[in-house]
Amino acid sequence: MDTIEGMRTFVAVVSERSFSGAANRLDKSPQLVSKYIAQLETRLGIRLLNRSTRRLSTTEAGQAYYERCQVLLADLDELESAVRDMAVRARGTLRINAPVSFGVLHLARAIAEYQRGQPEVSIDLTLNDRVVDIISEGYDLAIRIGSLQESALVARPLAPVRMVVCGAPDYLLARGIPAKPKDLEAHDCLGYAYWSEASHWHFERDGTVHSVNTGGRFCANNGDVLRAAALAGAGLILQPTFIVGDDIRAGRLRAVLADYKLKTLQVYAVYPHRQYLSAKVRTFVDFLAYYFGSPPYWDAPVF
C-alpha cells in the first residue's frame, strides 16, 4: 500500500462510518480495507480510529488526519486533472530554441499565426546557433537544420531546405560567372563558421561529385551576416533559400552553378518524447509542418 492509497482508504472509512461501506465505495474487500488502515496506523505510530462492535469513530489524531487528507486529496485530484488536460488542450508556456536566421526570418511569423489559433499558449523563444541540450536546459522543443547526431530525441522533419551558391550582380560582373565548381577557386567564397566543411563545397552532376576547396577573406557564424556581405559585393555565398530566396527573386543576388546539385538539408522539430506528448508541443509541431508547406514557401523558384 502506498501513502496515497492509504489516505484514500482512510477517508472512505471515516466518510462511510464503516469498513464495509468503504469497501463498497472503493470496490475492495472489507478485509483489505481493514489491512490498509492497520498498516497506516502502524506507519504513523498512532491510533486513528476507535473501533467497537456498534460504532466507529475517529480519535483526535484521526480527525485531524482526516481533515488534512481531504484537502490534500482534493488538491491532488485537481492537479492530476489539470495535467491530463494539458495532454488534450494546448495551454501553458512553450519553450523553444531555434537557429538565429531561421527564427528571425520565418519562425517569428509562424509563432504569431499559431498563437492566433491557440490563445492559451505562451511562447518563450531563444535564438542561437549552437546545439543546445533541450532536456537539461529546459526546452520543450528545438528547431534544428541539417544532419542530426544520433540521440534519444525524437526528430520530426518539417520541410526540406535547398542550398544555393549566389552573389551580387556587380560582383559577378567584375569577377565573372563560374561555369563549373572548379571556377570557384578563383573567387572570394565566404564561409559559414558553424559548418565543419565551410571551405569545402560539394556539388553533384550526372552521378559525379565535385569537391572544391574554396577560399575567401571573410567567414561568419551567421547566415544573415553572410547574406549582407554578399549583397555588398564581398563574394559568393553558399546559403539556404530560406535566407537568400527573396534576394534572388528580386535580382539583388544571382544564383550560379544552377545545373549542379547541392545537398538538401532538413528543418526538424526535435523534442524529448513521442509518447505522452503535450498538446502544446503536438499542436505547434503540426502547425509548423502545415505553415511551411510542401514544398516550403521559401523554396519558390530561384533560378
C-alpha atoms as a PDB file:
ATOM      1  CA  MET A   1       0.000   0.000   0.000  1.00  0.00           C
ATOM      2  CA  ASP A   2       1.340   3.436  -0.893  1.00  0.00           C
ATOM      3  CA  THR A   3       0.661   6.579   1.100  1.00  0.00           C
ATOM      4  CA  ILE A   4      -1.971   7.979  -1.264  1.00  0.00           C
ATOM      5  CA  GLU A   5      -3.881   4.700  -1.332  1.00  0.00           C
ATOM      6  CA  GLY A   6      -3.821   4.596   2.457  1.00  0.00           C
ATOM      7  CA  MET A   7      -5.113   8.155   2.687  1.00  0.00           C
ATOM      8  CA  ARG A   8      -7.944   7.461   0.247  1.00  0.00           C
ATOM      9  CA  THR A   9      -8.919   4.325   2.156  1.00  0.00           C
ATOM     10  CA  PHE A  10      -8.907   6.143   5.488  1.00  0.00           C
ATOM     11  CA  VAL A  11     -11.056   8.995   4.163  1.00  0.00           C
ATOM     12  CA  ALA A  12     -13.536   6.500   2.730  1.00  0.00           C
ATOM     13  CA  VAL A  13     -13.797   4.636   6.069  1.00  0.00           C
ATOM     14  CA  VAL A  14     -14.445   7.830   8.023  1.00  0.00           C
ATOM     15  CA  SER A  15     -16.882   9.191   5.431  1.00  0.00           C
ATOM     16  CA  GLU A  16     -18.857   5.925   5.257  1.00  0.00           C
ATOM     17  CA  ARG A  17     -18.505   5.310   9.020  1.00  0.00           C
ATOM     18  CA  SER A  18     -17.751   1.642   8.401  1.00  0.00           C
ATOM     19  CA  PHE A  19     -15.225  -0.685   6.813  1.00  0.00           C
ATOM     20  CA  SER A  20     -17.895  -2.395   4.727  1.00  0.00           C
ATOM     21  CA  GLY A  21     -19.192   0.919   3.378  1.00  0.00           C
ATOM     22  CA  ALA A  22     -15.670   1.982   2.452  1.00  0.00           C
ATOM     23  CA  ALA A  23     -15.079  -1.396   0.807  1.00  0.00           C
ATOM     24  CA  ASN A  24     -18.154  -0.926  -1.403  1.00  0.00           C
ATOM     25  CA  ARG A  25     -17.134   2.622  -2.272  1.00  0.00           C
ATOM     26  CA  LEU A  26     -13.584   1.626  -3.208  1.00  0.00           C
ATOM     27  CA  ASP A  27     -14.500  -1.737  -4.750  1.00  0.00           C
ATOM     28  CA  LYS A  28     -12.223  -3.554  -2.300  1.00  0.00           C
ATOM     29  CA  SER A  29     -12.864  -6.332   0.194  1.00  0.00           C
ATOM     30  CA  PRO A  30     -13.556  -5.323   3.838  1.00  0.00           C
ATOM     31  CA  GLN A  31     -10.531  -7.390   4.856  1.00  0.00           C
ATOM     32  CA  LEU A  32      -8.243  -5.396   2.542  1.00  0.00           C
ATOM     33  CA  VAL A  33      -9.665  -2.100   3.820  1.00  0.00           C
ATOM     34  CA  SER A  34      -9.038  -3.190   7.410  1.00  0.00           C
ATOM     35  CA  LYS A  35      -5.498  -4.232   6.482  1.00  0.00           C
ATOM     36  CA  TYR A  36      -4.776  -0.835   4.880  1.00  0.00           C
ATOM     37  CA  ILE A  37      -5.983   1.036   7.978  1.00  0.00           C
ATOM     38  CA  ALA A  38      -3.861  -1.157  10.248  1.00  0.00           C
ATOM     39  CA  GLN A  39      -0.800  -0.537   8.050  1.00  0.00           C
ATOM     40  CA  LEU A  40      -1.489   3.196   8.061  1.00  0.00           C
ATOM     41  CA  GLU A  41      -1.717   3.337  11.853  1.00  0.00           C
ATOM     42  CA  THR A  42       1.459   1.267  12.182  1.00  0.00           C
ATOM     43  CA  ARG A  43       3.348   3.575   9.814  1.00  0.00           C
ATOM     44  CA  LEU A  44       2.143   6.704  11.617  1.00  0.00           C
ATOM     45  CA  GLY A  45       2.633   5.165  15.059  1.00  0.00           C
ATOM     46  CA  ILE A  46      -0.727   6.354  16.378  1.00  0.00           C
ATOM     47  CA  ARG A  47      -4.310   5.122  16.530  1.00  0.00           C
ATOM     48  CA  LEU A  48      -6.612   6.895  14.094  1.00  0.00           C
ATOM     49  CA  LEU A  49      -9.908   5.081  14.708  1.00  0.00           C
ATOM     50  CA  ASN A  50     -11.833   3.911  17.748  1.00  0.00           C
ATOM     51  CA  ARG A  51     -13.490   0.620  16.873  1.00  0.00           C
ATOM     52  CA  SER A  52     -16.329  -1.177  18.628  1.00  0.00           C
ATOM     53  CA  THR A  53     -18.938  -3.685  17.575  1.00  0.00           C
ATOM     54  CA  ARG A  54     -21.569  -0.945  17.411  1.00  0.00           C
ATOM     55  CA  ARG A  55     -19.760   2.135  16.100  1.00  0.00           C
ATOM     56  CA  LEU A  56     -16.592   3.556  14.587  1.00  0.00           C
ATOM     57  CA  SER A  57     -15.220   6.995  15.371  1.00  0.00           C
ATOM     58  CA  THR A  58     -12.044   8.976  14.851  1.00  0.00           C
ATOM     59  CA  THR A  59      -9.538   9.717  17.564  1.00  0.00           C
ATOM     60  CA  GLU A  60      -8.329  13.282  17.972  1.00  0.00           C
ATOM     61  CA  ALA A  61      -5.339  12.465  15.777  1.00  0.00           C
ATOM     62  CA  GLY A  62      -7.598  10.614  13.358  1.00  0.00           C
ATOM     63  CA  GLN A  63      -9.931  13.589  12.955  1.00  0.00           C
ATOM     64  CA  ALA A  64      -7.017  15.934  12.275  1.00  0.00           C
ATOM     65  CA  TYR A  65      -5.561  13.445   9.785  1.00  0.00           C
ATOM     66  CA  TYR A  66      -8.957  13.033   8.085  1.00  0.00           C
ATOM     67  CA  GLU A  67      -9.426  16.764   7.607  1.00  0.00           C
ATOM     68  CA  ARG A  68      -5.935  17.255   6.163  1.00  0.00           C
ATOM     69  CA  CYS A  69      -6.283  14.194   3.934  1.00  0.00           C
ATOM     70  CA  GLN A  70      -9.461  15.585   2.407  1.00  0.00           C
ATOM     71  CA  VAL A  71      -7.681  18.810   1.463  1.00  0.00           C
ATOM     72  CA  LEU A  72      -4.570  17.053   0.147  1.00  0.00           C
ATOM     73  CA  LEU A  73      -6.522  14.514  -1.907  1.00  0.00           C
ATOM     74  CA  ALA A  74      -8.730  17.224  -3.383  1.00  0.00           C
ATOM     75  CA  ASP A  75      -5.611  19.194  -4.383  1.00  0.00           C
ATOM     76  CA  LEU A  76      -4.038  16.057  -5.843  1.00  0.00           C
ATOM     77  CA  ASP A  77      -7.146  15.243  -7.879  1.00  0.00           C
ATOM     78  CA  GLU A  78      -7.271  18.821  -9.160  1.00  0.00           C
ATOM     79  CA  LEU A  79      -3.574  18.685 -10.079  1.00  0.00           C
ATOM     80  CA  GLU A  80      -3.925  15.385 -11.936  1.00  0.00           C
ATOM     81  CA  SER A  81      -6.958  16.693 -13.799  1.00  0.00           C
ATOM     82  CA  ALA A  82      -5.052  19.807 -14.864  1.00  0.00           C
ATOM     83  CA  VAL A  83      -2.070  17.768 -16.051  1.00  0.00           C
ATOM     84  CA  ARG A  84      -4.289  15.360 -18.002  1.00  0.00           C
ATOM     85  CA  ASP A  85      -5.971  18.367 -19.568  1.00  0.00           C
ATOM     86  CA  MET A  86      -2.589  19.528 -20.888  1.00  0.00           C
ATOM     87  CA  ALA A  87      -2.364  16.335 -22.949  1.00  0.00           C
ATOM     88  CA  VAL A  88      -5.514  17.222 -24.882  1.00  0.00           C
ATOM     89  CA  ARG A  89      -5.704  21.017 -24.616  1.00  0.00           C
ATOM     90  CA  ALA A  90      -2.902  23.330 -25.727  1.00  0.00           C
ATOM     91  CA  ARG A  91      -2.085  25.650 -22.855  1.00  0.00           C
ATOM     92  CA  GLY A  92       0.864  26.912 -20.799  1.00  0.00           C
ATOM     93  CA  THR A  93       4.303  28.162 -21.810  1.00  0.00           C
ATOM     94  CA  LEU A  94       6.116  26.544 -24.736  1.00  0.00           C
ATOM     95  CA  ARG A  95       9.905  26.988 -24.544  1.00  0.00           C
ATOM     96  CA  ILE A  96      11.568  26.786 -27.959  1.00  0.00           C
ATOM     97  CA  ASN A  97      15.173  27.013 -29.153  1.00  0.00           C
ATOM     98  CA  ALA A  98      15.946  27.780 -32.800  1.00  0.00           C
ATOM     99  CA  PRO A  99      18.741  28.997 -35.108  1.00  0.00           C
ATOM    100  CA  VAL A 100      19.037  32.772 -35.308  1.00  0.00           C
ATOM    101  CA  SER A 101      18.411  33.379 -39.014  1.00  0.00           C
ATOM    102  CA  PHE A 102      15.578  30.890 -39.315  1.00  0.00           C
ATOM    103  CA  GLY A 103      13.968  32.215 -36.165  1.00  0.00           C
ATOM    104  CA  VAL A 104      14.073  35.829 -37.331  1.00  0.00           C
ATOM    105  CA  LEU A 105      13.041  35.206 -40.937  1.00  0.00           C
ATOM    106  CA  HIS A 106      10.415  32.500 -40.546  1.00  0.00           C
ATOM    107  CA  LEU A 107       9.699  31.273 -37.032  1.00  0.00           C
ATOM    108  CA  ALA A 108       8.557  34.599 -35.574  1.00  0.00           C
ATOM    109  CA  ARG A 109       5.806  34.932 -38.188  1.00  0.00           C
ATOM    110  CA  ALA A 110       4.797  31.300 -37.741  1.00  0.00           C
ATOM    111  CA  ILE A 111       4.514  31.766 -33.970  1.00  0.00           C
ATOM    112  CA  ALA A 112       2.291  34.817 -34.391  1.00  0.00           C
ATOM    113  CA  GLU A 113      -0.034  32.850 -36.656  1.00  0.00           C
ATOM    114  CA  TYR A 114      -0.056  29.841 -34.313  1.00  0.00           C
ATOM    115  CA  GLN A 115      -0.932  31.936 -31.279  1.00  0.00           C
ATOM    116  CA  ARG A 116      -3.913  33.448 -33.052  1.00  0.00           C
ATOM    117  CA  GLY A 117      -5.421  29.959 -33.019  1.00  0.00           C
ATOM    118  CA  GLN A 118      -4.062  28.927 -29.597  1.00  0.00           C
ATOM    119  CA  PRO A 119      -4.729  31.832 -27.216  1.00  0.00           C
ATOM    120  CA  GLU A 120      -3.833  29.818 -24.095  1.00  0.00           C
ATOM    121  CA  VAL A 121      -0.258  29.088 -25.223  1.00  0.00           C
ATOM    122  CA  SER A 122       2.591  31.468 -24.390  1.00  0.00           C
ATOM    123  CA  ILE A 123       5.869  31.194 -26.318  1.00  0.00           C
ATOM    124  CA  ASP A 124       9.355  31.629 -24.843  1.00  0.00           C
ATOM    125  CA  LEU A 125      11.715  31.622 -27.851  1.00  0.00           C
ATOM    126  CA  THR A 126      15.523  31.583 -27.561  1.00  0.00           C
ATOM    127  CA  LEU A 127      17.643  32.059 -30.689  1.00  0.00           C
ATOM    128  CA  ASN A 128      21.237  30.883 -31.040  1.00  0.00           C
ATOM    129  CA  ASP A 129      23.233  28.787 -33.467  1.00  0.00           C
ATOM    130  CA  ARG A 130      24.619  26.211 -31.062  1.00  0.00           C
ATOM    131  CA  VAL A 131      23.177  22.749 -30.436  1.00  0.00           C
ATOM    132  CA  VAL A 132      21.502  23.014 -27.043  1.00  0.00           C
ATOM    133  CA  ASP A 133      20.733  20.184 -24.637  1.00  0.00           C
ATOM    134  CA  ILE A 134      16.993  20.670 -24.641  1.00  0.00           C
ATOM    135  CA  ILE A 135      16.405  18.464 -21.597  1.00  0.00           C
ATOM    136  CA  SER A 136      18.996  19.935 -19.233  1.00  0.00           C
ATOM    137  CA  GLU A 137      18.304  23.480 -20.456  1.00  0.00           C
ATOM    138  CA  GLY A 138      14.556  23.135 -20.023  1.00  0.00           C
ATOM    139  CA  TYR A 139      13.277  23.469 -23.596  1.00  0.00           C
ATOM    140  CA  ASP A 140      10.101  21.781 -24.794  1.00  0.00           C
ATOM    141  CA  LEU A 141      11.454  21.530 -28.321  1.00  0.00           C
ATOM    142  CA  ALA A 142      14.173  22.807 -30.628  1.00  0.00           C
ATOM    143  CA  ILE A 143      14.215  23.658 -34.315  1.00  0.00           C
ATOM    144  CA  ARG A 144      17.330  22.280 -35.994  1.00  0.00           C
ATOM    145  CA  ILE A 145      18.597  22.384 -39.547  1.00  0.00           C
ATOM    146  CA  GLY A 146      20.970  19.948 -41.218  1.00  0.00           C
ATOM    147  CA  SER A 147      22.169  16.491 -40.305  1.00  0.00           C
ATOM    148  CA  LEU A 148      21.258  15.348 -36.811  1.00  0.00           C
ATOM    149  CA  GLN A 149      23.538  13.457 -34.492  1.00  0.00           C
ATOM    150  CA  GLU A 150      22.190  10.210 -33.086  1.00  0.00           C
ATOM    151  CA  SER A 151      20.338  10.720 -29.843  1.00  0.00           C
ATOM    152  CA  ALA A 152      17.329   9.560 -27.883  1.00  0.00           C
ATOM    153  CA  LEU A 153      15.409  12.643 -29.004  1.00  0.00           C
ATOM    154  CA  VAL A 154      12.506  12.496 -31.423  1.00  0.00           C
ATOM    155  CA  ALA A 155      13.212  14.391 -34.662  1.00  0.00           C
ATOM    156  CA  ARG A 156      10.279  15.185 -36.934  1.00  0.00           C
ATOM    157  CA  PRO A 157      11.115  16.511 -40.413  1.00  0.00           C
ATOM    158  CA  LEU A 158       9.175  19.697 -41.144  1.00  0.00           C
ATOM    159  CA  ALA A 159      10.481  20.886 -44.504  1.00  0.00           C
ATOM    160  CA  PRO A 160      13.386  20.457 -46.918  1.00  0.00           C
ATOM    161  CA  VAL A 161      15.990  23.199 -47.268  1.00  0.00           C
ATOM    162  CA  ARG A 162      17.720  23.755 -50.597  1.00  0.00           C
ATOM    163  CA  MET A 163      21.159  25.291 -50.776  1.00  0.00           C
ATOM    164  CA  VAL A 164      22.284  27.720 -53.456  1.00  0.00           C
ATOM    165  CA  VAL A 165      25.501  29.497 -54.447  1.00  0.00           C
ATOM    166  CA  CYS A 166      24.898  33.148 -55.217  1.00  0.00           C
ATOM    167  CA  GLY A 167      26.487  36.570 -55.410  1.00  0.00           C
ATOM    168  CA  ALA A 168      25.665  40.180 -56.168  1.00  0.00           C
ATOM    169  CA  PRO A 169      25.329  41.097 -59.873  1.00  0.00           C
ATOM    170  CA  ASP A 170      28.081  43.739 -59.579  1.00  0.00           C
ATOM    171  CA  TYR A 171      30.456  41.181 -58.057  1.00  0.00           C
ATOM    172  CA  LEU A 172      29.741  38.675 -60.834  1.00  0.00           C
ATOM    173  CA  LEU A 173      30.174  41.376 -63.472  1.00  0.00           C
ATOM    174  CA  ALA A 174      33.586  42.241 -62.063  1.00  0.00           C
ATOM    175  CA  ARG A 175      34.835  38.710 -61.314  1.00  0.00           C
ATOM    176  CA  GLY A 176      32.983  36.597 -63.847  1.00  0.00           C
ATOM    177  CA  ILE A 177      30.280  33.951 -63.539  1.00  0.00           C
ATOM    178  CA  PRO A 178      31.626  30.498 -62.577  1.00  0.00           C
ATOM    179  CA  ALA A 179      30.660  27.855 -65.136  1.00  0.00           C
ATOM    180  CA  LYS A 180      31.863  24.851 -63.142  1.00  0.00           C
ATOM    181  CA  PRO A 181      32.677  24.200 -59.462  1.00  0.00           C
ATOM    182  CA  LYS A 182      36.443  24.435 -60.010  1.00  0.00           C
ATOM    183  CA  ASP A 183      35.986  28.034 -61.145  1.00  0.00           C
ATOM    184  CA  LEU A 184      35.114  28.897 -57.533  1.00  0.00           C
ATOM    185  CA  GLU A 185      38.797  28.615 -56.648  1.00  0.00           C
ATOM    186  CA  ALA A 186      39.298  31.972 -58.377  1.00  0.00           C
ATOM    187  CA  HIS A 187      36.528  33.636 -56.363  1.00  0.00           C
ATOM    188  CA  ASP A 188      36.090  35.009 -52.866  1.00  0.00           C
ATOM    189  CA  CYS A 189      33.813  32.418 -51.267  1.00  0.00           C
ATOM    190  CA  LEU A 190      32.510  33.482 -47.888  1.00  0.00           C
ATOM    191  CA  GLY A 191      32.402  30.730 -45.260  1.00  0.00           C
ATOM    192  CA  TYR A 192      29.821  29.796 -42.645  1.00  0.00           C
ATOM    193  CA  ALA A 193      31.816  29.184 -39.471  1.00  0.00           C
ATOM    194  CA  TYR A 194      29.492  26.568 -37.955  1.00  0.00           C
ATOM    195  CA  TRP A 195      29.874  24.183 -40.899  1.00  0.00           C
ATOM    196  CA  SER A 196      32.647  21.656 -40.457  1.00  0.00           C
ATOM    197  CA  GLU A 197      33.358  21.987 -44.195  1.00  0.00           C
ATOM    198  CA  ALA A 198      32.904  25.731 -44.503  1.00  0.00           C
ATOM    199  CA  SER A 199      35.734  25.945 -47.052  1.00  0.00           C
ATOM    200  CA  HIS A 200      34.917  22.676 -48.847  1.00  0.00           C
ATOM    201  CA  TRP A 201      31.849  22.875 -51.086  1.00  0.00           C
ATOM    202  CA  HIS A 202      30.465  19.748 -52.727  1.00  0.00           C
ATOM    203  CA  PHE A 203      28.465  19.577 -55.958  1.00  0.00           C
ATOM    204  CA  GLU A 204      26.993  16.679 -57.913  1.00  0.00           C
ATOM    205  CA  ARG A 205      26.069  16.261 -61.565  1.00  0.00           C
ATOM    206  CA  ASP A 206      25.400  13.122 -63.594  1.00  0.00           C
ATOM    207  CA  GLY A 207      26.452  10.956 -60.665  1.00  0.00           C
ATOM    208  CA  THR A 208      29.835  12.638 -60.263  1.00  0.00           C
ATOM    209  CA  VAL A 209      30.718  14.547 -57.094  1.00  0.00           C
ATOM    210  CA  HIS A 210      32.804  17.690 -57.491  1.00  0.00           C
ATOM    211  CA  SER A 211      34.523  18.929 -54.316  1.00  0.00           C
ATOM    212  CA  VAL A 212      36.103  22.356 -54.254  1.00  0.00           C
ATOM    213  CA  ASN A 213      38.401  23.973 -51.717  1.00  0.00           C
ATOM    214  CA  THR A 214      37.005  27.463 -51.567  1.00  0.00           C
ATOM    215  CA  GLY A 215      38.748  30.434 -50.079  1.00  0.00           C
ATOM    216  CA  GLY A 216      37.821  33.906 -49.022  1.00  0.00           C
ATOM    217  CA  ARG A 217      38.880  36.614 -46.649  1.00  0.00           C
ATOM    218  CA  PHE A 218      35.668  36.546 -44.645  1.00  0.00           C
ATOM    219  CA  CYS A 219      33.703  33.998 -42.648  1.00  0.00           C
ATOM    220  CA  ALA A 220      30.914  34.403 -40.103  1.00  0.00           C
ATOM    221  CA  ASN A 221      28.782  32.309 -37.788  1.00  0.00           C
ATOM    222  CA  ASN A 222      25.503  33.758 -39.052  1.00  0.00           C
ATOM    223  CA  GLY A 223      23.822  33.362 -42.426  1.00  0.00           C
ATOM    224  CA  ASP A 224      22.268  36.832 -42.404  1.00  0.00           C
ATOM    225  CA  VAL A 225      25.722  38.364 -41.973  1.00  0.00           C
ATOM    226  CA  LEU A 226      26.997  36.404 -44.977  1.00  0.00           C
ATOM    227  CA  ARG A 227      23.946  37.487 -46.972  1.00  0.00           C
ATOM    228  CA  ALA A 228      24.656  41.141 -46.129  1.00  0.00           C
ATOM    229  CA  ALA A 229      28.285  40.719 -47.156  1.00  0.00           C
ATOM    230  CA  ALA A 230      27.267  39.121 -50.451  1.00  0.00           C
ATOM    231  CA  LEU A 231      24.800  41.939 -51.137  1.00  0.00           C
ATOM    232  CA  ALA A 232      27.678  44.365 -50.563  1.00  0.00           C
ATOM    233  CA  GLY A 233      29.743  42.572 -53.204  1.00  0.00           C
ATOM    234  CA  ALA A 234      32.180  40.795 -50.876  1.00  0.00           C
ATOM    235  CA  GLY A 235      31.954  37.465 -52.681  1.00  0.00           C
ATOM    236  CA  LEU A 236      29.928  34.310 -53.251  1.00  0.00           C
ATOM    237  CA  ILE A 237      27.991  32.531 -50.532  1.00  0.00           C
ATOM    238  CA  LEU A 238      26.537  29.047 -50.138  1.00  0.00           C
ATOM    239  CA  GLN A 239      23.327  29.566 -48.189  1.00  0.00           C
ATOM    240  CA  PRO A 240      19.821  28.125 -47.912  1.00  0.00           C
ATOM    241  CA  THR A 241      16.971  29.511 -49.957  1.00  0.00           C
ATOM    242  CA  PHE A 242      15.133  30.441 -46.771  1.00  0.00           C
ATOM    243  CA  ILE A 243      17.799  33.163 -46.313  1.00  0.00           C
ATOM    244  CA  VAL A 244      18.580  34.267 -49.886  1.00  0.00           C
ATOM    245  CA  GLY A 245      15.496  33.229 -51.875  1.00  0.00           C
ATOM    246  CA  ASP A 246      13.808  36.640 -51.756  1.00  0.00           C
ATOM    247  CA  ASP A 247      17.028  38.381 -52.827  1.00  0.00           C
ATOM    248  CA  ILE A 248      17.443  36.057 -55.807  1.00  0.00           C
ATOM    249  CA  ARG A 249      13.837  36.516 -56.898  1.00  0.00           C
ATOM    250  CA  ALA A 250      14.238  40.305 -56.578  1.00  0.00           C
ATOM    251  CA  GLY A 251      17.520  40.311 -58.527  1.00  0.00           C
ATOM    252  CA  ARG A 252      19.629  41.565 -55.620  1.00  0.00           C
ATOM    253  CA  LEU A 253      21.579  38.291 -55.719  1.00  0.00           C
ATOM    254  CA  ARG A 254      22.119  35.937 -58.621  1.00  0.00           C
ATOM    255  CA  ALA A 255      22.293  32.149 -58.332  1.00  0.00           C
ATOM    256  CA  VAL A 256      25.159  30.399 -60.114  1.00  0.00           C
ATOM    257  CA  LEU A 257      26.015  26.783 -60.972  1.00  0.00           C
ATOM    258  CA  ALA A 258      22.296  26.021 -61.157  1.00  0.00           C
ATOM    259  CA  ASP A 259      22.860  22.845 -63.188  1.00  0.00           C
ATOM    260  CA  TYR A 260      24.784  21.253 -60.294  1.00  0.00           C
ATOM    261  CA  LYS A 261      23.067  19.669 -57.312  1.00  0.00           C
ATOM    262  CA  LEU A 262      23.844  20.681 -53.766  1.00  0.00           C
ATOM    263  CA  LYS A 263      22.991  18.754 -50.639  1.00  0.00           C
ATOM    264  CA  THR A 264      19.404  19.220 -49.480  1.00  0.00           C
ATOM    265  CA  LEU A 265      19.044  19.768 -45.748  1.00  0.00           C
ATOM    266  CA  GLN A 266      16.018  19.411 -43.481  1.00  0.00           C
ATOM    267  CA  VAL A 267      14.284  21.546 -40.910  1.00  0.00           C
ATOM    268  CA  TYR A 268      13.495  19.356 -37.888  1.00  0.00           C
ATOM    269  CA  ALA A 269      11.434  19.766 -34.769  1.00  0.00           C
ATOM    270  CA  VAL A 270      13.321  17.957 -32.003  1.00  0.00           C
ATOM    271  CA  TYR A 271      11.724  17.033 -28.677  1.00  0.00           C
ATOM    272  CA  PRO A 272      12.333  14.514 -25.883  1.00  0.00           C
ATOM    273  CA  HIS A 273       9.431  12.051 -26.112  1.00  0.00           C
ATOM    274  CA  ARG A 274       6.945  10.781 -28.652  1.00  0.00           C
ATOM    275  CA  GLN A 275       4.740   9.160 -26.009  1.00  0.00           C
ATOM    276  CA  TYR A 276       2.649  11.391 -23.736  1.00  0.00           C
ATOM    277  CA  LEU A 277       3.429  14.433 -25.878  1.00  0.00           C
ATOM    278  CA  SER A 278       1.784  17.557 -24.502  1.00  0.00           C
ATOM    279  CA  ALA A 279      -0.872  19.235 -26.615  1.00  0.00           C
ATOM    280  CA  LYS A 280       1.120  22.478 -26.811  1.00  0.00           C
ATOM    281  CA  VAL A 281       4.095  20.680 -28.400  1.00  0.00           C
ATOM    282  CA  ARG A 282       1.980  18.465 -30.647  1.00  0.00           C
ATOM    283  CA  THR A 283      -0.177  21.292 -31.987  1.00  0.00           C
ATOM    284  CA  PHE A 284       2.811  23.581 -32.566  1.00  0.00           C
ATOM    285  CA  VAL A 285       4.808  20.975 -34.485  1.00  0.00           C
ATOM    286  CA  ASP A 286       1.762  20.040 -36.582  1.00  0.00           C
ATOM    287  CA  PHE A 287       1.149  23.719 -37.275  1.00  0.00           C
ATOM    288  CA  LEU A 288       4.733  24.323 -38.442  1.00  0.00           C
ATOM    289  CA  ALA A 289       4.548  21.446 -40.929  1.00  0.00           C
ATOM    290  CA  TYR A 290       1.329  22.948 -42.317  1.00  0.00           C
ATOM    291  CA  TYR A 291       2.604  26.545 -42.249  1.00  0.00           C
ATOM    292  CA  PHE A 292       5.887  25.865 -44.062  1.00  0.00           C
ATOM    293  CA  GLY A 293       4.125  23.839 -46.756  1.00  0.00           C
ATOM    294  CA  SER A 294       5.315  21.134 -49.127  1.00  0.00           C
ATOM    295  CA  PRO A 295       7.338  22.343 -50.893  1.00  0.00           C
ATOM    296  CA  PRO A 296       8.050  25.122 -48.383  1.00  0.00           C
ATOM    297  CA  TYR A 297       7.050  28.632 -49.347  1.00  0.00           C
ATOM    298  CA  TRP A 298      10.655  29.876 -49.228  1.00  0.00           C
ATOM    299  CA  ASP A 299      11.611  27.347 -51.924  1.00  0.00           C
ATOM    300  CA  ALA A 300       9.781  29.143 -54.716  1.00  0.00           C
ATOM    301  CA  PRO A 301      11.810  29.124 -57.957  1.00  0.00           C
ATOM    302  CA  VAL A 302      15.069  30.995 -57.573  1.00  0.00           C
ATOM    303  CA  PHE A 303      16.788  30.170 -60.860  1.00  0.00           C
END
